[in-house]
């Protein structure tokens, strides 16, 4: 009798599993996305964030949600990634939002603005300071939703044919520089150029431009800029903590199953953390290699930095007066930035100023 009851129960359980399987399969459909990157595949750290996302999403969904990553130029040029997502040509992209300041300068806040937030402060603003909500409201008009997906940390000031000693040395300088910083430097006489990564080296080599900034030692060495411009200035005051982002077409996002949305968000968060960690790990050795190869490592003078600070804040005031969307983000962002600067001066800056030089100064 017990054996018959056991067999009946087993049959019922087996039937339940058989009935449940199709429902589970229906709730986990096969999804295929294409993601276009704004970066070449050779830049394994900045491009690699897209691959981090793709692999993690697949792992979290038992390979049901597959994302194929394309480097800049294979589907669209790197600076047209947003347009491709808006139009539905691809489902998603990985890009630097300040590439699109020609559409609206407000885009810059999603990456970096001159004398803005560090990487940690950018994360604080995005995740806990209202930045994510402000930028998503702004980006709604462009038919996309965005997710933080990487950061390079403070960048270098770029490669120059001649050292910049004074503000007058900036006048007439043709420089590849992205985002809002180009408008700031225009006030000081620079002629900014917006070029994708793959176009910078030939422009420097041919003399089409006099200077170019990209990221930092690891990527800059890969691109060979030290071979065509000897002076390496620092810091990149226009990119204290430049965030990379993914954009997803709004309709595509809305159609995604809830569990897949969670997988995507987790993967983007991982990419955001991983990129910064990798750059911090690989940049020191790359800088040593560049110095050994004979580059001239030079800081921007305080006079140059001060002039750029003044020009940047003039631009902010002018833009906020003329652009309501910019002002809506800029006002709370500035309050948050100033608060962060006050706090970081107390602990972080004091610690760093002593500790980073102690081995050379304390005896």
Protein backbone atom coordinates (compact mmCIF):
# COMPACT_ATOMS: atom_id res chain seq x y z
CA UNK A 1 0.00 0.00 0.00
CA UNK A 2 2.82 2.39 0.91
CA UNK A 3 4.58 1.52 -2.33
CA UNK A 4 1.44 2.38 -4.37
CA UNK A 5 1.09 5.73 -2.57
CA UNK A 6 4.81 6.49 -3.21
CA UNK A 7 4.48 5.69 -6.92
CA UNK A 8 1.32 7.82 -7.21
CA UNK A 9 3.02 10.74 -5.49
CA UNK A 10 6.06 10.37 -7.74
CA UNK A 11 3.87 10.35 -10.82
CA UNK A 12 2.07 13.49 -9.65
CA UNK A 13 5.39 15.25 -8.97
CA UNK A 14 6.75 14.20 -12.37
CA UNK A 15 3.63 15.52 -14.05
CA UNK A 16 4.02 18.77 -12.16
CA UNK A 17 7.57 19.15 -13.40
CA UNK A 18 6.49 18.39 -16.94
CA UNK A 19 3.74 20.96 -16.74
CA UNK A 20 5.98 23.56 -15.15
CA UNK A 21 8.80 23.30 -17.65
CA UNK A 22 7.03 25.12 -20.50
CA UNK A 23 6.03 27.95 -18.16
CA UNK A 24 9.65 28.36 -17.06
CA UNK A 25 10.81 28.29 -20.66
CA UNK A 26 8.27 30.96 -21.55
CA UNK A 27 9.47 33.21 -18.72
CA UNK A 28 13.10 32.89 -19.90
CA UNK A 29 12.99 33.55 -23.64
CA UNK A 30 15.99 33.65 -25.95
CA UNK A 31 17.05 37.29 -26.34
CA UNK A 32 19.72 38.50 -28.75
CA UNK A 33 21.12 42.04 -28.64
CA UNK A 34 23.79 43.84 -30.59
CA UNK A 35 25.89 46.37 -28.69
CA UNK A 36 28.10 48.83 -30.54
CA UNK A 37 31.09 50.28 -28.71
CA UNK A 38 32.56 53.74 -29.27
CA UNK A 39 36.02 52.22 -28.82
CA UNK A 40 38.39 50.01 -30.82
CA UNK A 41 38.94 46.43 -29.74
CA UNK A 42 42.66 47.05 -29.24
CA UNK A 43 41.88 49.11 -26.11
CA UNK A 44 41.15 46.09 -23.98
CA UNK A 45 40.19 47.97 -20.82
CA UNK A 46 37.77 50.59 -22.11
CA UNK A 47 36.39 48.38 -24.89
CA UNK A 48 36.57 45.38 -22.59
CA UNK A 49 33.82 46.75 -20.34
CA UNK A 50 31.31 45.76 -23.02
CA UNK A 51 32.65 42.22 -22.98
CA UNK A 52 32.44 42.12 -19.18
CA UNK A 53 28.76 43.04 -19.49
CA UNK A 54 28.10 40.50 -22.27
CA UNK A 55 29.72 37.61 -20.40
CA UNK A 56 28.06 38.39 -17.07
CA UNK A 57 24.59 38.75 -18.60
CA UNK A 58 24.97 35.40 -20.35
CA UNK A 59 26.16 33.71 -17.15
CA UNK A 60 23.29 35.12 -15.09
CA UNK A 61 20.63 34.00 -17.58
CA UNK A 62 21.93 30.53 -18.40
CA UNK A 63 22.97 31.90 -21.82
CA UNK A 64 19.39 32.85 -22.69
CA UNK A 65 20.27 36.56 -22.96
CA UNK A 66 23.11 36.94 -25.45
CA UNK A 67 24.80 40.25 -26.32
CA UNK A 68 27.16 40.47 -29.29
CA UNK A 69 29.67 43.33 -28.97
CA UNK A 70 30.94 45.26 -32.00
CA UNK A 71 33.93 47.63 -31.91
CA UNK A 72 33.70 51.16 -33.27
CA UNK A 73 33.35 51.23 -37.03
CA UNK A 74 31.93 47.75 -37.61
CA UNK A 75 28.30 48.87 -37.48
CA UNK A 76 28.59 52.63 -37.03
CA UNK A 77 31.49 55.00 -36.29
CA UNK A 78 32.34 55.42 -32.62
CA UNK A 79 30.83 58.90 -32.36
CA UNK A 80 27.49 57.73 -33.78
CA UNK A 81 26.75 55.08 -31.16
CA UNK A 82 23.93 57.07 -29.55
CA UNK A 83 22.27 57.67 -32.92
CA UNK A 84 22.31 53.93 -33.67
CA UNK A 85 20.54 53.14 -30.39
CA UNK A 86 18.00 55.94 -30.84
CA UNK A 87 17.11 54.67 -34.30
CA UNK A 88 16.89 51.02 -33.19
CA UNK A 89 19.76 50.00 -35.47
CA UNK A 90 21.26 48.29 -32.40
CA UNK A 91 19.73 47.58 -29.04
CA UNK A 92 22.53 49.11 -26.97
CA UNK A 93 25.85 50.91 -27.04
CA UNK A 94 28.80 51.60 -24.76
CA UNK A 95 30.07 55.15 -25.06
CA UNK A 96 31.17 58.38 -23.43
CA UNK A 97 28.16 60.64 -23.18
CA UNK A 98 30.14 63.84 -23.61
CA UNK A 99 30.73 62.90 -27.24
CA UNK A 100 27.22 64.25 -27.82
CA UNK A 101 27.50 67.72 -26.33
CA UNK A 102 26.85 69.05 -29.84
CA UNK A 103 23.28 67.87 -29.35
CA UNK A 104 23.07 69.38 -25.86
CA UNK A 105 25.86 70.26 -23.38
CA UNK A 106 23.89 68.52 -20.64
CA UNK A 107 25.22 65.20 -21.97
CA UNK A 108 28.59 66.06 -20.42
CA UNK A 109 27.42 65.48 -16.85
CA UNK A 110 27.01 61.77 -17.57
CA UNK A 111 30.74 61.52 -18.31
CA UNK A 112 32.73 64.45 -16.91
CA UNK A 113 32.93 68.22 -16.94
CA UNK A 114 36.01 70.37 -16.24
CA UNK A 115 37.00 70.51 -12.58
CA UNK A 116 34.22 68.10 -11.78
CA UNK A 117 33.87 64.91 -9.78
CA UNK A 118 36.43 62.18 -9.23
CA UNK A 119 35.49 58.57 -9.99
CA UNK A 120 34.36 57.91 -6.43
CA UNK A 121 32.43 61.16 -6.31
CA UNK A 122 30.81 60.42 -9.67
CA UNK A 123 29.60 57.07 -8.34
CA UNK A 124 28.31 58.79 -5.20
CA UNK A 125 26.40 61.33 -7.31
CA UNK A 126 24.99 58.70 -9.66
CA UNK A 127 23.99 56.03 -7.16
CA UNK A 128 23.12 58.09 -4.09
CA UNK A 129 23.13 61.78 -5.02
CA UNK A 130 20.30 61.95 -7.57
CA UNK A 131 22.50 61.91 -10.67
CA UNK A 132 21.02 58.76 -12.15
CA UNK A 133 17.49 60.14 -11.92
CA UNK A 134 18.46 63.54 -13.35
CA UNK A 135 20.31 62.08 -16.31
CA UNK A 136 17.63 59.51 -17.09
CA UNK A 137 15.02 62.24 -17.14
CA UNK A 138 17.18 64.21 -19.57
CA UNK A 139 17.93 61.20 -21.78
CA UNK A 140 14.27 60.23 -22.07
CA UNK A 141 13.97 62.76 -24.90
CA UNK A 142 16.59 60.78 -26.83
CA UNK A 143 14.70 57.49 -26.61
CA UNK A 144 17.35 55.83 -24.41
CA UNK A 145 17.89 54.75 -20.83
CA UNK A 146 21.47 54.81 -19.52
CA UNK A 147 23.57 52.87 -17.01
CA UNK A 148 26.98 53.74 -15.54
CA UNK A 149 29.43 51.22 -17.01
CA UNK A 150 33.03 52.19 -16.35
CA UNK A 151 35.38 54.92 -15.23
CA UNK A 152 39.01 55.68 -16.03
CA UNK A 153 39.83 57.82 -13.01
CA UNK A 154 41.67 61.12 -13.37
CA UNK A 155 43.05 61.27 -16.88
CA UNK A 156 46.27 62.72 -18.21
CA UNK A 157 46.39 66.16 -19.83
CA UNK A 158 47.48 64.79 -23.18
CA UNK A 159 50.29 64.80 -25.74
CA UNK A 160 51.78 68.04 -27.06
CA UNK A 161 54.38 68.85 -29.67
CA UNK A 162 55.60 71.71 -27.44
CA UNK A 163 55.36 72.25 -23.71
CA UNK A 164 52.56 74.51 -22.48
CA UNK A 165 54.22 76.92 -20.05
CA UNK A 166 51.83 79.88 -20.11
CA UNK A 167 48.25 80.65 -21.05
CA UNK A 168 49.54 82.36 -24.22
CA UNK A 169 50.92 79.01 -25.40
CA UNK A 170 47.33 77.79 -25.78
CA UNK A 171 46.44 80.40 -28.39
CA UNK A 172 45.94 78.88 -31.82
CA UNK A 173 46.66 75.35 -30.57
CA UNK A 174 44.75 72.70 -32.55
CA UNK A 175 43.88 70.02 -30.01
CA UNK A 176 41.86 66.84 -30.08
CA UNK A 177 39.72 67.12 -26.99
CA UNK A 178 36.26 65.75 -26.31
CA UNK A 179 33.23 67.01 -24.49
CA UNK A 180 32.62 70.29 -22.72
CA UNK A 181 36.33 70.97 -22.25
CA UNK A 182 36.67 72.01 -25.87
CA UNK A 183 34.31 74.92 -25.26
CA UNK A 184 36.30 75.95 -22.19
CA UNK A 185 39.61 75.89 -24.06
CA UNK A 186 38.10 77.85 -26.92
CA UNK A 187 37.88 80.78 -24.50
CA UNK A 188 41.66 80.56 -24.14
CA UNK A 189 42.37 80.40 -27.86
CA UNK A 190 42.50 76.63 -28.45
CA UNK A 191 40.91 75.21 -31.61
CA UNK A 192 39.26 71.96 -30.40
CA UNK A 193 38.86 68.90 -32.62
CA UNK A 194 36.52 65.97 -31.93
CA UNK A 195 38.18 62.77 -33.16
CA UNK A 196 37.57 59.11 -32.41
CA UNK A 197 40.43 57.06 -30.94
CA UNK A 198 41.55 55.54 -34.22
CA UNK A 199 41.85 58.93 -35.93
CA UNK A 200 44.08 60.64 -33.35
CA UNK A 201 47.48 59.14 -34.20
CA UNK A 202 47.43 59.97 -37.93
CA UNK A 203 46.20 63.51 -37.18
CA UNK A 204 49.11 64.05 -34.76
CA UNK A 205 51.59 62.43 -37.13
CA UNK A 206 50.54 64.58 -40.09
CA UNK A 207 50.43 67.77 -38.02
CA UNK A 208 46.70 68.23 -38.58
CA UNK A 209 46.53 68.74 -34.82
CA UNK A 210 49.16 70.00 -32.36
CA UNK A 211 48.00 68.09 -29.30
CA UNK A 212 45.63 65.35 -28.24
CA UNK A 213 44.23 63.90 -25.05
CA UNK A 214 42.87 60.40 -24.70
CA UNK A 215 42.88 58.53 -21.38
CA UNK A 216 46.11 57.68 -19.60
CA UNK A 217 49.42 55.84 -19.88
CA UNK A 218 48.11 52.33 -20.58
CA UNK A 219 45.83 53.27 -23.49
CA UNK A 220 48.01 56.13 -24.72
CA UNK A 221 51.02 53.85 -25.09
CA UNK A 222 48.93 51.29 -26.97
CA UNK A 223 47.91 54.03 -29.41
CA UNK A 224 51.53 55.14 -29.81
CA UNK A 225 51.07 58.83 -29.10
CA UNK A 226 54.55 59.10 -27.58
CA UNK A 227 56.00 58.41 -31.03
CA UNK A 228 54.50 61.57 -32.54
CA UNK A 229 54.35 64.05 -29.61
CA UNK A 230 57.09 64.21 -26.94
CA UNK A 231 55.47 66.23 -24.11
CA UNK A 232 52.99 64.48 -21.79
CA UNK A 233 51.09 67.00 -19.67
CA UNK A 234 49.05 66.30 -16.55
CA UNK A 235 46.48 66.36 -15.06
CA UNK A 236 43.44 66.15 -17.32
CA UNK A 237 41.50 68.75 -15.32
CA UNK A 238 38.54 68.27 -17.63
CA UNK A 239 38.18 64.59 -16.66
CA UNK A 240 38.55 64.05 -12.95
CA UNK A 241 36.43 60.89 -13.00
CA UNK A 242 35.00 60.32 -16.49
CA UNK A 243 32.21 57.78 -16.51
CA UNK A 244 31.44 55.53 -19.45
CA UNK A 245 27.83 54.51 -19.95
CA UNK A 246 25.65 52.08 -21.80
CA UNK A 247 22.57 53.32 -23.60
CA UNK A 248 19.63 51.02 -24.29
CA UNK A 249 16.79 51.81 -26.66
CA UNK A 250 13.76 52.60 -24.47
CA UNK A 251 11.31 50.28 -26.25
CA UNK A 252 13.87 47.48 -26.20
CA UNK A 253 14.42 47.97 -22.47
CA UNK A 254 10.70 48.03 -21.71
CA UNK A 255 10.25 44.72 -23.55
CA UNK A 256 12.99 42.94 -21.59
CA UNK A 257 11.87 40.40 -18.93
CA UNK A 258 12.34 41.64 -15.37
CA UNK A 259 14.99 39.03 -14.54
CA UNK A 260 16.99 40.04 -17.60
CA UNK A 261 16.80 43.68 -16.58
CA UNK A 262 18.30 42.70 -13.23
CA UNK A 263 21.08 40.76 -14.99
CA UNK A 264 21.85 43.77 -17.19
CA UNK A 265 21.99 46.17 -14.25
CA UNK A 266 24.24 43.86 -12.23
CA UNK A 267 26.57 43.41 -15.21
CA UNK A 268 26.83 47.16 -15.77
CA UNK A 269 27.59 47.71 -12.09
CA UNK A 270 30.36 45.13 -12.30
CA UNK A 271 31.81 46.76 -15.43
CA UNK A 272 31.74 50.14 -13.69
CA UNK A 273 33.82 48.80 -10.80
CA UNK A 274 36.11 46.59 -12.88
CA UNK A 275 37.28 49.25 -15.36
CA UNK A 276 38.51 51.62 -12.66
CA UNK A 277 40.29 48.78 -10.84
CA UNK A 278 42.04 47.61 -13.99
CA UNK A 279 43.22 51.09 -15.01
CA UNK A 280 44.63 51.63 -11.52
CA UNK A 281 46.47 48.32 -11.82
CA UNK A 282 47.99 48.83 -15.28
CA UNK A 283 48.71 52.57 -15.49
CA UNK A 284 51.75 52.75 -13.16
CA UNK A 285 53.83 50.30 -15.20
CA UNK A 286 52.73 51.94 -18.46
CA UNK A 287 53.86 55.36 -17.21
CA UNK A 288 57.25 53.94 -16.23
CA UNK A 289 57.63 52.48 -19.71
CA UNK A 290 56.81 55.81 -21.32
CA UNK A 291 59.30 57.66 -19.12
CA UNK A 292 61.97 55.08 -19.96
CA UNK A 293 61.23 55.69 -23.65
CA UNK A 294 62.11 59.36 -23.20
CA UNK A 295 58.86 61.27 -22.92
CA UNK A 296 58.84 64.67 -21.20
CA UNK A 297 56.40 64.44 -18.29
CA UNK A 298 55.20 67.94 -17.39
CA UNK A 299 52.50 69.33 -15.06
CA UNK A 300 50.30 72.16 -16.21
CA UNK A 301 51.36 75.32 -14.39
CA UNK A 302 49.15 76.78 -11.69
CA UNK A 303 48.57 79.85 -13.89
CA UNK A 304 47.29 77.67 -16.74
CA UNK A 305 45.08 75.65 -14.38
CA UNK A 306 43.65 78.80 -12.78
CA UNK A 307 42.85 80.33 -16.17
CA UNK A 308 41.09 77.14 -17.19
CA UNK A 309 39.12 77.07 -13.91
CA UNK A 310 37.88 80.62 -14.50
CA UNK A 311 36.98 79.88 -18.13
CA UNK A 312 35.10 76.72 -17.15
CA UNK A 313 32.92 78.49 -14.60
CA UNK A 314 32.20 81.31 -17.04
CA UNK A 315 30.99 78.67 -19.52
CA UNK A 316 28.84 77.01 -16.85
CA UNK A 317 27.15 80.29 -15.97
CA UNK A 318 26.58 81.21 -19.62
CA UNK A 319 25.22 77.77 -20.52
CA UNK A 320 22.95 77.55 -17.49
CA UNK A 321 21.47 80.96 -18.36
CA UNK A 322 20.68 79.84 -21.91
CA UNK A 323 19.74 76.17 -21.44
CA UNK A 324 17.07 75.13 -18.93
CA UNK A 325 17.92 71.43 -19.18
CA UNK A 326 21.56 72.12 -18.41
CA UNK A 327 20.62 74.34 -15.46
CA UNK A 328 18.30 71.67 -14.04
CA UNK A 329 21.25 69.29 -13.76
CA UNK A 330 24.02 71.80 -13.11
CA UNK A 331 22.52 73.48 -10.02
CA UNK A 332 22.13 70.33 -7.88
CA UNK A 333 25.32 68.82 -9.36
CA UNK A 334 27.34 71.90 -8.32
CA UNK A 335 25.94 71.76 -4.77
CA UNK A 336 26.85 68.08 -4.58
CA UNK A 337 30.33 68.68 -6.03
CA UNK A 338 31.15 71.46 -3.57
CA UNK A 339 30.02 69.31 -0.65
CA UNK A 340 32.17 66.42 -1.88
CA UNK A 341 35.20 68.69 -2.24
CA UNK A 342 34.78 69.91 1.34
CA UNK A 343 34.60 66.37 2.69
CA UNK A 344 37.47 64.98 0.60
CA UNK A 345 39.76 67.80 1.72
CA UNK A 346 39.38 66.67 5.33
CA UNK A 347 40.37 63.00 5.11
CA UNK A 348 41.29 61.86 1.62
CA UNK A 349 43.39 64.83 0.53
CA UNK A 350 45.23 65.11 3.84
CA UNK A 351 46.05 61.41 3.79
CA UNK A 352 47.19 61.45 0.16
CA UNK A 353 49.30 64.60 0.42
CA UNK A 354 51.35 63.01 3.17
CA UNK A 355 51.34 59.32 2.31
CA UNK A 356 52.03 59.57 -1.43
CA UNK A 357 55.27 61.47 -0.75
CA UNK A 358 56.32 60.07 2.62
CA UNK A 359 58.78 57.53 1.23
CA UNK A 360 60.74 60.38 -0.41
CA UNK A 361 60.41 63.02 2.31
CA UNK A 362 60.37 61.27 5.70
CA UNK A 363 63.72 60.13 7.05
